[in-house]
Amino acid sequence: MVYRLAVTIDDGVILFCQRFFDKFIDKRTIEQMVQASRSGKQNIVEGSLEKSVEGNIKLTGVARASYGELQNLKLWEKNDSRVWRIRSFRESTSVPTKRKLRT
């Protein structure tokens, strides 16, 4: 389930960058954001494959730090309607992801 959320975040970052950034002016910002989302996703996978709990915790921490790089927004109050919309989001693991190839 965590990996599915990581895929959703990665897809969202890519769509966000394509929609809101000029690829010629903001190239470095786009690269940083895309790399952070890819790194987070990959470290979740690698952490889950670790045989030791210590290795799993380390890679999960690296993934968390990667996602921390993406957080550059004002913190919402816990009762904000946007928070409730996000909390109500659930992705079913029985439905395959609609992963698109990067161009």
C-alpha atoms as a PDB file:
ATOM      1  CA  MET A   1       0.000   0.000   0.000  1.00  0.00           C
ATOM      2  CA  VAL A   2       2.851   2.408   0.782  1.00  0.00           C
ATOM      3  CA  TYR A   3       4.426   1.712  -2.590  1.00  0.00           C
ATOM      4  CA  ARG A   4       1.126   2.442  -4.341  1.00  0.00           C
ATOM      5  CA  LEU A   5       1.009   5.809  -2.596  1.00  0.00           C
ATOM      6  CA  ALA A   6       4.629   6.436  -3.643  1.00  0.00           C
ATOM      7  CA  VAL A   7       3.675   5.740  -7.275  1.00  0.00           C
ATOM      8  CA  THR A   8       0.757   8.166  -6.954  1.00  0.00           C
ATOM      9  CA  ILE A   9       3.047  10.841  -5.509  1.00  0.00           C
ATOM     10  CA  ASP A  10       5.591  10.271  -8.285  1.00  0.00           C
ATOM     11  CA  ASP A  11       2.888  10.559 -10.962  1.00  0.00           C
ATOM     12  CA  GLY A  12       1.512  13.688  -9.298  1.00  0.00           C
ATOM     13  CA  VAL A  13       4.925  15.354  -9.142  1.00  0.00           C
ATOM     14  CA  ILE A  14       5.498  14.684 -12.832  1.00  0.00           C
ATOM     15  CA  LEU A  15       2.078  16.029 -13.810  1.00  0.00           C
ATOM     16  CA  PHE A  16       2.520  19.058 -11.543  1.00  0.00           C
ATOM     17  CA  CYS A  17       5.904  19.892 -13.076  1.00  0.00           C
ATOM     18  CA  GLN A  18       4.593  19.467 -16.610  1.00  0.00           C
ATOM     19  CA  ARG A  19       1.631  21.713 -15.910  1.00  0.00           C
ATOM     20  CA  PHE A  20       3.108  24.473 -13.766  1.00  0.00           C
ATOM     21  CA  PHE A  21       6.784  24.811 -14.689  1.00  0.00           C
ATOM     22  CA  ASP A  22       8.440  26.049 -17.837  1.00  0.00           C
ATOM     23  CA  LYS A  23      10.898  23.273 -18.724  1.00  0.00           C
ATOM     24  CA  PHE A  24      13.449  25.774 -20.030  1.00  0.00           C
ATOM     25  CA  ILE A  25      13.327  28.296 -17.195  1.00  0.00           C
ATOM     26  CA  ASP A  26      12.727  25.976 -14.234  1.00  0.00           C
ATOM     27  CA  LYS A  27      14.779  22.988 -15.422  1.00  0.00           C
ATOM     28  CA  ARG A  28      16.769  22.601 -12.196  1.00  0.00           C
ATOM     29  CA  THR A  29      13.656  22.816  -9.998  1.00  0.00           C
ATOM     30  CA  ILE A  30      11.908  20.193 -12.113  1.00  0.00           C
ATOM     31  CA  GLU A  31      14.936  17.882 -11.954  1.00  0.00           C
ATOM     32  CA  GLN A  32      15.128  18.210  -8.159  1.00  0.00           C
ATOM     33  CA  MET A  33      11.436  17.499  -7.647  1.00  0.00           C
ATOM     34  CA  VAL A  34      11.335  14.534 -10.014  1.00  0.00           C
ATOM     35  CA  GLN A  35      14.513  13.075  -8.519  1.00  0.00           C
ATOM     36  CA  ALA A  36      13.145  13.439  -4.976  1.00  0.00           C
ATOM     37  CA  SER A  37       9.939  11.608  -5.879  1.00  0.00           C
ATOM     38  CA  ARG A  38      11.823   8.840  -7.713  1.00  0.00           C
ATOM     39  CA  SER A  39      14.276   8.472  -4.848  1.00  0.00           C
ATOM     40  CA  GLY A  40      11.492   8.222  -2.291  1.00  0.00           C
ATOM     41  CA  LYS A  41       9.722   5.552  -4.271  1.00  0.00           C
ATOM     42  CA  GLN A  42      12.895   3.552  -4.939  1.00  0.00           C
ATOM     43  CA  ASN A  43      14.029   3.646  -1.307  1.00  0.00           C
ATOM     44  CA  ILE A  44      10.657   2.284  -0.206  1.00  0.00           C
ATOM     45  CA  VAL A  45      11.155  -0.668  -2.559  1.00  0.00           C
ATOM     46  CA  GLU A  46      14.746  -1.264  -1.474  1.00  0.00           C
ATOM     47  CA  GLY A  47      13.836  -0.914   2.202  1.00  0.00           C
ATOM     48  CA  SER A  48      11.102  -3.514   1.892  1.00  0.00           C
ATOM     49  CA  LEU A  49      13.602  -5.952   0.369  1.00  0.00           C
ATOM     50  CA  GLU A  50      16.153  -5.521   3.178  1.00  0.00           C
ATOM     51  CA  LYS A  51      16.688  -8.574   5.336  1.00  0.00           C
ATOM     52  CA  SER A  52      17.591  -6.552   8.415  1.00  0.00           C
ATOM     53  CA  VAL A  53      15.263  -4.277  10.331  1.00  0.00           C
ATOM     54  CA  GLU A  54      18.074  -1.706  10.581  1.00  0.00           C
ATOM     55  CA  GLY A  55      18.467  -1.606   6.784  1.00  0.00           C
ATOM     56  CA  ASN A  56      14.731  -1.265   6.326  1.00  0.00           C
ATOM     57  CA  ILE A  57      14.538   1.603   8.813  1.00  0.00           C
ATOM     58  CA  LYS A  58      17.512   3.359   7.217  1.00  0.00           C
ATOM     59  CA  LEU A  59      16.087   3.210   3.685  1.00  0.00           C
ATOM     60  CA  THR A  60      12.625   4.204   4.901  1.00  0.00           C
ATOM     61  CA  GLY A  61      14.251   7.238   6.543  1.00  0.00           C
ATOM     62  CA  VAL A  62      15.991   8.119   3.285  1.00  0.00           C
ATOM     63  CA  ALA A  63      12.630   7.858   1.477  1.00  0.00           C
ATOM     64  CA  ARG A  64      11.042  10.097   4.074  1.00  0.00           C
ATOM     65  CA  ALA A  65      13.817  12.668   3.638  1.00  0.00           C
ATOM     66  CA  SER A  66      13.283  12.607  -0.128  1.00  0.00           C
ATOM     67  CA  TYR A  67       9.602  13.350   0.328  1.00  0.00           C
ATOM     68  CA  GLY A  68      10.532  16.065   2.800  1.00  0.00           C
ATOM     69  CA  GLU A  69      12.300  17.839  -0.046  1.00  0.00           C
ATOM     70  CA  LEU A  70       8.969  18.047  -1.846  1.00  0.00           C
ATOM     71  CA  GLN A  71       7.256  19.742   1.074  1.00  0.00           C
ATOM     72  CA  ASN A  72       7.578  23.431   0.573  1.00  0.00           C
ATOM     73  CA  LEU A  73       4.040  24.485   1.331  1.00  0.00           C
ATOM     74  CA  LYS A  74       2.322  26.183   4.204  1.00  0.00           C
ATOM     75  CA  LEU A  75       1.212  23.650   6.827  1.00  0.00           C
ATOM     76  CA  TRP A  76      -2.562  23.284   6.847  1.00  0.00           C
ATOM     77  CA  GLU A  77      -4.575  23.123  10.057  1.00  0.00           C
ATOM     78  CA  LYS A  78      -5.720  19.595  10.899  1.00  0.00           C
ATOM     79  CA  ASN A  79      -9.393  20.517  10.376  1.00  0.00           C
ATOM     80  CA  ASP A  80      -8.827  22.211   7.019  1.00  0.00           C
ATOM     81  CA  SER A  81     -11.141  20.788   4.336  1.00  0.00           C
ATOM     82  CA  ARG A  82      -8.108  20.024   2.139  1.00  0.00           C
ATOM     83  CA  VAL A  83      -6.656  17.835   4.876  1.00  0.00           C
ATOM     84  CA  TRP A  84      -9.917  15.898   5.160  1.00  0.00           C
ATOM     85  CA  ARG A  85     -10.007  15.366   1.379  1.00  0.00           C
ATOM     86  CA  ILE A  86      -6.484  13.954   1.464  1.00  0.00           C
ATOM     87  CA  ARG A  87      -7.233  11.772   4.481  1.00  0.00           C
ATOM     88  CA  SER A  88     -10.293  10.351   2.757  1.00  0.00           C
ATOM     89  CA  PHE A  89      -8.197   9.323  -0.262  1.00  0.00           C
ATOM     90  CA  ARG A  90      -7.723   5.601  -0.440  1.00  0.00           C
ATOM     91  CA  GLU A  91      -6.273   3.725  -3.341  1.00  0.00           C
ATOM     92  CA  SER A  92      -7.333   0.149  -3.839  1.00  0.00           C
ATOM     93  CA  THR A  93      -4.558  -2.378  -4.200  1.00  0.00           C
ATOM     94  CA  SER A  94      -6.900  -4.583  -6.221  1.00  0.00           C
ATOM     95  CA  VAL A  95      -6.884  -2.081  -9.086  1.00  0.00           C
ATOM     96  CA  PRO A  96      -3.664  -1.983 -11.163  1.00  0.00           C
ATOM     97  CA  THR A  97      -1.850   1.315 -11.383  1.00  0.00           C
ATOM     98  CA  LYS A  98      -2.181   3.264 -14.596  1.00  0.00           C
ATOM     99  CA  ARG A  99       1.514   3.991 -14.813  1.00  0.00           C
ATOM    100  CA  LYS A 100       2.532   5.926 -17.919  1.00  0.00           C
ATOM    101  CA  LEU A 101       6.003   5.878 -19.403  1.00  0.00           C
ATOM    102  CA  ARG A 102       8.023   9.026 -19.018  1.00  0.00           C
ATOM    103  CA  THR A 103       8.745  10.923 -22.205  1.00  0.00           C
END
